[in-house]
Amino acid sequence: MTTMSRAEPAPALTLGPGDRAPEFALTGSDGHRYRLSDFVGLTPVVLAWFPKAFTGGCTAECLSISLSSARLRALDAACFTVSVDDPETNREFAAYLGSDLPILSDPDKSVARAYGVMTTSGFPARWTFYIGKDGRILAIDKHVRTATSGADITSVLDSMKATGQG
């Protein structure tokens, strides 16, 4: 079993609200390829980065998000969990969780680097990016609570809708 240290150094690149979100083209656990540009102008996008499939905190986080999938769909946002695990591992992880939300794979870590989530441990930081319909970052949650991640994401999306950002 892999263990994660909470004392990992912060990633070097820092994106912030208002910055254009880096484009991505990643394979989901459902076999489809997803690109940010497919959603621009249509719907907000949530990217919930997690370090490693089948580990305790990541299982809790992804399960929490999966259990919120109906509410997330009702909020008309494209919500993805993302890791640097290979597509097959994420397909197995999604099946294990019973998740119908795609888990995106970034095995070469290029998208993780573009988003500034890679740590020196070789795993992405547990950060959630909220991207507006215009393709710009609206918010970044760098203090993700694994057990309540799904409810936390729906709360942020509710707030965004209320303020006209979502």
C-alpha atoms as a PDB file:
ATOM      1  CA  MET A   1       0.000   0.000   0.000  1.00  0.00           C
ATOM      2  CA  THR A   2       1.265   3.472  -0.900  1.00  0.00           C
ATOM      3  CA  THR A   3       1.283   6.111   1.799  1.00  0.00           C
ATOM      4  CA  MET A   4       1.086   9.824   1.180  1.00  0.00           C
ATOM      5  CA  SER A   5       2.821  12.472   3.247  1.00  0.00           C
ATOM      6  CA  ARG A   6       0.823  15.577   4.115  1.00  0.00           C
ATOM      7  CA  ALA A   7       4.098  17.529   4.242  1.00  0.00           C
ATOM      8  CA  GLU A   8       4.695  17.413   0.487  1.00  0.00           C
ATOM      9  CA  PRO A   9       6.115  20.612  -0.972  1.00  0.00           C
ATOM     10  CA  ALA A  10       3.738  22.869  -2.846  1.00  0.00           C
ATOM     11  CA  PRO A  11       3.882  22.683  -6.646  1.00  0.00           C
ATOM     12  CA  ALA A  12       6.069  25.311  -8.328  1.00  0.00           C
ATOM     13  CA  LEU A  13       3.484  26.603 -10.847  1.00  0.00           C
ATOM     14  CA  THR A  14       0.554  28.442  -9.369  1.00  0.00           C
ATOM     15  CA  LEU A  15      -2.580  29.211 -11.332  1.00  0.00           C
ATOM     16  CA  GLY A  16      -5.244  31.421  -9.834  1.00  0.00           C
ATOM     17  CA  PRO A  17      -8.756  32.708 -10.371  1.00  0.00           C
ATOM     18  CA  GLY A  18      -9.032  34.568 -13.663  1.00  0.00           C
ATOM     19  CA  ASP A  19      -6.276  32.570 -15.352  1.00  0.00           C
ATOM     20  CA  ARG A  20      -7.136  30.622 -18.477  1.00  0.00           C
ATOM     21  CA  ALA A  21      -7.360  26.936 -17.561  1.00  0.00           C
ATOM     22  CA  PRO A  22      -4.841  24.811 -19.435  1.00  0.00           C
ATOM     23  CA  GLU A  23      -6.329  22.721 -22.235  1.00  0.00           C
ATOM     24  CA  PHE A  24      -6.438  18.996 -21.649  1.00  0.00           C
ATOM     25  CA  ALA A  25      -7.289  15.910 -23.676  1.00  0.00           C
ATOM     26  CA  LEU A  26      -7.500  12.945 -21.317  1.00  0.00           C
ATOM     27  CA  THR A  27      -8.995   9.467 -21.462  1.00  0.00           C
ATOM     28  CA  GLY A  28     -11.750   8.739 -18.964  1.00  0.00           C
ATOM     29  CA  SER A  29     -12.474   5.519 -17.123  1.00  0.00           C
ATOM     30  CA  ASP A  30     -15.459   5.151 -19.480  1.00  0.00           C
ATOM     31  CA  GLY A  31     -13.117   4.983 -22.501  1.00  0.00           C
ATOM     32  CA  HIS A  32     -14.075   8.412 -23.873  1.00  0.00           C
ATOM     33  CA  ARG A  33     -11.567  11.200 -24.514  1.00  0.00           C
ATOM     34  CA  TYR A  34     -12.414  14.504 -22.809  1.00  0.00           C
ATOM     35  CA  ARG A  35     -11.109  17.948 -23.758  1.00  0.00           C
ATOM     36  CA  LEU A  36     -11.658  21.206 -21.910  1.00  0.00           C
ATOM     37  CA  SER A  37     -12.431  22.900 -25.233  1.00  0.00           C
ATOM     38  CA  ASP A  38     -15.454  20.584 -25.635  1.00  0.00           C
ATOM     39  CA  PHE A  39     -17.110  22.315 -22.661  1.00  0.00           C
ATOM     40  CA  VAL A  40     -16.083  25.964 -23.162  1.00  0.00           C
ATOM     41  CA  GLY A  41     -19.143  28.100 -23.822  1.00  0.00           C
ATOM     42  CA  LEU A  42     -21.453  25.315 -22.626  1.00  0.00           C
ATOM     43  CA  THR A  43     -20.905  24.352 -19.015  1.00  0.00           C
ATOM     44  CA  PRO A  44     -18.555  24.812 -16.058  1.00  0.00           C
ATOM     45  CA  VAL A  45     -15.945  22.098 -15.492  1.00  0.00           C
ATOM     46  CA  VAL A  46     -14.700  20.700 -12.198  1.00  0.00           C
ATOM     47  CA  LEU A  47     -11.363  18.880 -12.047  1.00  0.00           C
ATOM     48  CA  ALA A  48     -10.829  17.139  -8.713  1.00  0.00           C
ATOM     49  CA  TRP A  49      -7.192  15.985  -8.688  1.00  0.00           C
ATOM     50  CA  PHE A  50      -6.312  13.088  -6.403  1.00  0.00           C
ATOM     51  CA  PRO A  51      -2.932  11.407  -5.783  1.00  0.00           C
ATOM     52  CA  LYS A  52      -3.437   7.665  -6.346  1.00  0.00           C
ATOM     53  CA  ALA A  53      -6.258   5.201  -7.003  1.00  0.00           C
ATOM     54  CA  PHE A  54      -7.036   2.554  -4.398  1.00  0.00           C
ATOM     55  CA  THR A  55      -5.497   4.480  -1.472  1.00  0.00           C
ATOM     56  CA  GLY A  56      -7.522   5.389   1.608  1.00  0.00           C
ATOM     57  CA  GLY A  57      -7.970   9.132   1.195  1.00  0.00           C
ATOM     58  CA  CYS A  58      -8.418   8.933  -2.558  1.00  0.00           C
ATOM     59  CA  THR A  59     -11.044   6.210  -2.209  1.00  0.00           C
ATOM     60  CA  ALA A  60     -12.940   8.342   0.329  1.00  0.00           C
ATOM     61  CA  GLU A  61     -12.727  11.427  -1.901  1.00  0.00           C
ATOM     62  CA  CYS A  62     -13.782   9.720  -5.128  1.00  0.00           C
ATOM     63  CA  LEU A  63     -16.582   7.823  -3.375  1.00  0.00           C
ATOM     64  CA  SER A  64     -17.883  11.073  -1.888  1.00  0.00           C
ATOM     65  CA  ILE A  65     -17.907  12.680  -5.338  1.00  0.00           C
ATOM     66  CA  SER A  66     -19.502   9.603  -6.908  1.00  0.00           C
ATOM     67  CA  LEU A  67     -22.290   9.615  -4.320  1.00  0.00           C
ATOM     68  CA  SER A  68     -23.004  13.238  -5.330  1.00  0.00           C
ATOM     69  CA  SER A  69     -23.154  12.473  -9.069  1.00  0.00           C
ATOM     70  CA  ALA A  70     -26.927  13.007  -9.432  1.00  0.00           C
ATOM     71  CA  ARG A  71     -26.708  16.413  -7.733  1.00  0.00           C
ATOM     72  CA  LEU A  72     -23.650  17.368  -9.805  1.00  0.00           C
ATOM     73  CA  ARG A  73     -25.499  16.526 -13.029  1.00  0.00           C
ATOM     74  CA  ALA A  74     -28.495  18.587 -11.871  1.00  0.00           C
ATOM     75  CA  LEU A  75     -26.132  21.553 -11.471  1.00  0.00           C
ATOM     76  CA  ASP A  76     -25.177  21.196 -15.161  1.00  0.00           C
ATOM     77  CA  ALA A  77     -21.441  20.969 -14.594  1.00  0.00           C
ATOM     78  CA  ALA A  78     -18.955  18.537 -16.094  1.00  0.00           C
ATOM     79  CA  CYS A  79     -17.292  16.982 -13.059  1.00  0.00           C
ATOM     80  CA  PHE A  80     -14.216  14.780 -13.282  1.00  0.00           C
ATOM     81  CA  THR A  81     -11.811  13.252 -10.834  1.00  0.00           C
ATOM     82  CA  VAL A  82      -8.268  13.140 -12.235  1.00  0.00           C
ATOM     83  CA  SER A  83      -5.105  11.217 -11.384  1.00  0.00           C
ATOM     84  CA  VAL A  84      -1.794  10.270 -12.983  1.00  0.00           C
ATOM     85  CA  ASP A  85      -2.764   6.587 -12.847  1.00  0.00           C
ATOM     86  CA  ASP A  86      -3.055   4.805 -16.189  1.00  0.00           C
ATOM     87  CA  PRO A  87      -6.482   4.440 -17.853  1.00  0.00           C
ATOM     88  CA  GLU A  88      -6.815   0.739 -16.954  1.00  0.00           C
ATOM     89  CA  THR A  89      -6.176   1.411 -13.260  1.00  0.00           C
ATOM     90  CA  ASN A  90      -8.746   4.215 -13.259  1.00  0.00           C
ATOM     91  CA  ARG A  91     -11.259   2.006 -15.097  1.00  0.00           C
ATOM     92  CA  GLU A  92     -10.823  -0.633 -12.374  1.00  0.00           C
ATOM     93  CA  PHE A  93     -11.016   2.050  -9.661  1.00  0.00           C
ATOM     94  CA  ALA A  94     -14.260   3.463 -11.098  1.00  0.00           C
ATOM     95  CA  ALA A  95     -15.735  -0.067 -11.209  1.00  0.00           C
ATOM     96  CA  TYR A  96     -14.601  -0.693  -7.611  1.00  0.00           C
ATOM     97  CA  LEU A  97     -16.302   2.547  -6.515  1.00  0.00           C
ATOM     98  CA  GLY A  98     -19.399   1.910  -8.625  1.00  0.00           C
ATOM     99  CA  SER A  99     -18.853   5.411 -10.012  1.00  0.00           C
ATOM    100  CA  ASP A 100     -20.614   6.628 -13.125  1.00  0.00           C
ATOM    101  CA  LEU A 101     -18.512   9.815 -13.222  1.00  0.00           C
ATOM    102  CA  PRO A 102     -15.430   9.559 -15.449  1.00  0.00           C
ATOM    103  CA  ILE A 103     -12.040   9.366 -13.781  1.00  0.00           C
ATOM    104  CA  LEU A 104      -9.514  10.993 -16.109  1.00  0.00           C
ATOM    105  CA  SER A 105      -6.009   9.591 -16.571  1.00  0.00           C
ATOM    106  CA  ASP A 106      -2.886  11.703 -17.040  1.00  0.00           C
ATOM    107  CA  PRO A 107      -0.161   9.018 -16.966  1.00  0.00           C
ATOM    108  CA  ASP A 108       2.520  11.235 -18.543  1.00  0.00           C
ATOM    109  CA  LYS A 109       1.729  13.941 -15.934  1.00  0.00           C
ATOM    110  CA  SER A 110       1.754  16.698 -18.559  1.00  0.00           C
ATOM    111  CA  VAL A 111      -1.676  18.056 -17.640  1.00  0.00           C
ATOM    112  CA  ALA A 112      -0.885  17.786 -13.921  1.00  0.00           C
ATOM    113  CA  ARG A 113       2.238  19.889 -14.540  1.00  0.00           C
ATOM    114  CA  ALA A 114       0.238  22.420 -16.588  1.00  0.00           C
ATOM    115  CA  TYR A 115      -2.213  22.786 -13.681  1.00  0.00           C
ATOM    116  CA  GLY A 116       0.634  23.039 -11.183  1.00  0.00           C
ATOM    117  CA  VAL A 117      -0.518  20.097  -9.073  1.00  0.00           C
ATOM    118  CA  MET A 118       2.553  17.856  -9.389  1.00  0.00           C
ATOM    119  CA  THR A 119       4.570  17.491  -6.206  1.00  0.00           C
ATOM    120  CA  THR A 120       8.121  16.246  -5.784  1.00  0.00           C
ATOM    121  CA  SER A 121       6.657  12.956  -4.523  1.00  0.00           C
ATOM    122  CA  GLY A 122       5.571  12.174  -8.096  1.00  0.00           C
ATOM    123  CA  PHE A 123       1.876  12.434  -7.219  1.00  0.00           C
ATOM    124  CA  PRO A 124      -0.539  15.309  -7.822  1.00  0.00           C
ATOM    125  CA  ALA A 125      -1.703  17.460  -4.939  1.00  0.00           C
ATOM    126  CA  ARG A 126      -5.318  16.976  -3.850  1.00  0.00           C
ATOM    127  CA  TRP A 127      -6.723  20.185  -5.364  1.00  0.00           C
ATOM    128  CA  THR A 128     -10.072  20.889  -7.019  1.00  0.00           C
ATOM    129  CA  PHE A 129     -10.301  23.375  -9.891  1.00  0.00           C
ATOM    130  CA  TYR A 130     -13.557  25.134 -10.791  1.00  0.00           C
ATOM    131  CA  ILE A 131     -13.499  26.342 -14.396  1.00  0.00           C
ATOM    132  CA  GLY A 132     -16.159  28.684 -15.766  1.00  0.00           C
ATOM    133  CA  LYS A 133     -17.961  28.389 -19.068  1.00  0.00           C
ATOM    134  CA  ASP A 134     -15.439  30.857 -20.486  1.00  0.00           C
ATOM    135  CA  GLY A 135     -12.544  28.471 -19.782  1.00  0.00           C
ATOM    136  CA  ARG A 136     -11.132  30.603 -16.973  1.00  0.00           C
ATOM    137  CA  ILE A 137     -10.417  29.359 -13.474  1.00  0.00           C
ATOM    138  CA  LEU A 138     -13.049  30.584 -11.024  1.00  0.00           C
ATOM    139  CA  ALA A 139     -11.662  28.984  -7.862  1.00  0.00           C
ATOM    140  CA  ILE A 140      -9.172  26.411  -6.612  1.00  0.00           C
ATOM    141  CA  ASP A 141      -9.778  24.416  -3.450  1.00  0.00           C
ATOM    142  CA  LYS A 142      -6.368  23.502  -2.024  1.00  0.00           C
ATOM    143  CA  HIS A 143      -7.830  22.190   1.238  1.00  0.00           C
ATOM    144  CA  VAL A 144      -9.992  19.300   0.026  1.00  0.00           C
ATOM    145  CA  ARG A 145     -11.769  17.295   2.716  1.00  0.00           C
ATOM    146  CA  THR A 146     -11.891  13.750   1.355  1.00  0.00           C
ATOM    147  CA  ALA A 147     -15.006  12.541   3.185  1.00  0.00           C
ATOM    148  CA  THR A 148     -17.127  15.556   2.167  1.00  0.00           C
ATOM    149  CA  SER A 149     -15.611  16.383  -1.208  1.00  0.00           C
ATOM    150  CA  GLY A 150     -18.795  15.660  -3.181  1.00  0.00           C
ATOM    151  CA  ALA A 151     -20.964  17.854  -0.943  1.00  0.00           C
ATOM    152  CA  ASP A 152     -18.289  20.565  -0.927  1.00  0.00           C
ATOM    153  CA  ILE A 153     -18.182  20.609  -4.751  1.00  0.00           C
ATOM    154  CA  THR A 154     -21.981  20.854  -5.015  1.00  0.00           C
ATOM    155  CA  SER A 155     -21.948  23.702  -2.483  1.00  0.00           C
ATOM    156  CA  VAL A 156     -19.359  25.648  -4.511  1.00  0.00           C
ATOM    157  CA  LEU A 157     -21.289  25.027  -7.744  1.00  0.00           C
ATOM    158  CA  ASP A 158     -24.520  26.188  -6.043  1.00  0.00           C
ATOM    159  CA  SER A 159     -22.739  29.396  -4.989  1.00  0.00           C
ATOM    160  CA  MET A 160     -21.379  29.910  -8.495  1.00  0.00           C
ATOM    161  CA  LYS A 161     -24.868  29.567  -9.981  1.00  0.00           C
ATOM    162  CA  ALA A 162     -26.269  31.992  -7.402  1.00  0.00           C
ATOM    163  CA  THR A 163     -23.674  34.621  -8.362  1.00  0.00           C
ATOM    164  CA  GLY A 164     -24.019  34.013 -12.105  1.00  0.00           C
ATOM    165  CA  GLN A 165     -20.573  32.430 -12.508  1.00  0.00           C
ATOM    166  CA  GLY A 166     -21.733  28.878 -13.141  1.00  0.00           C
END
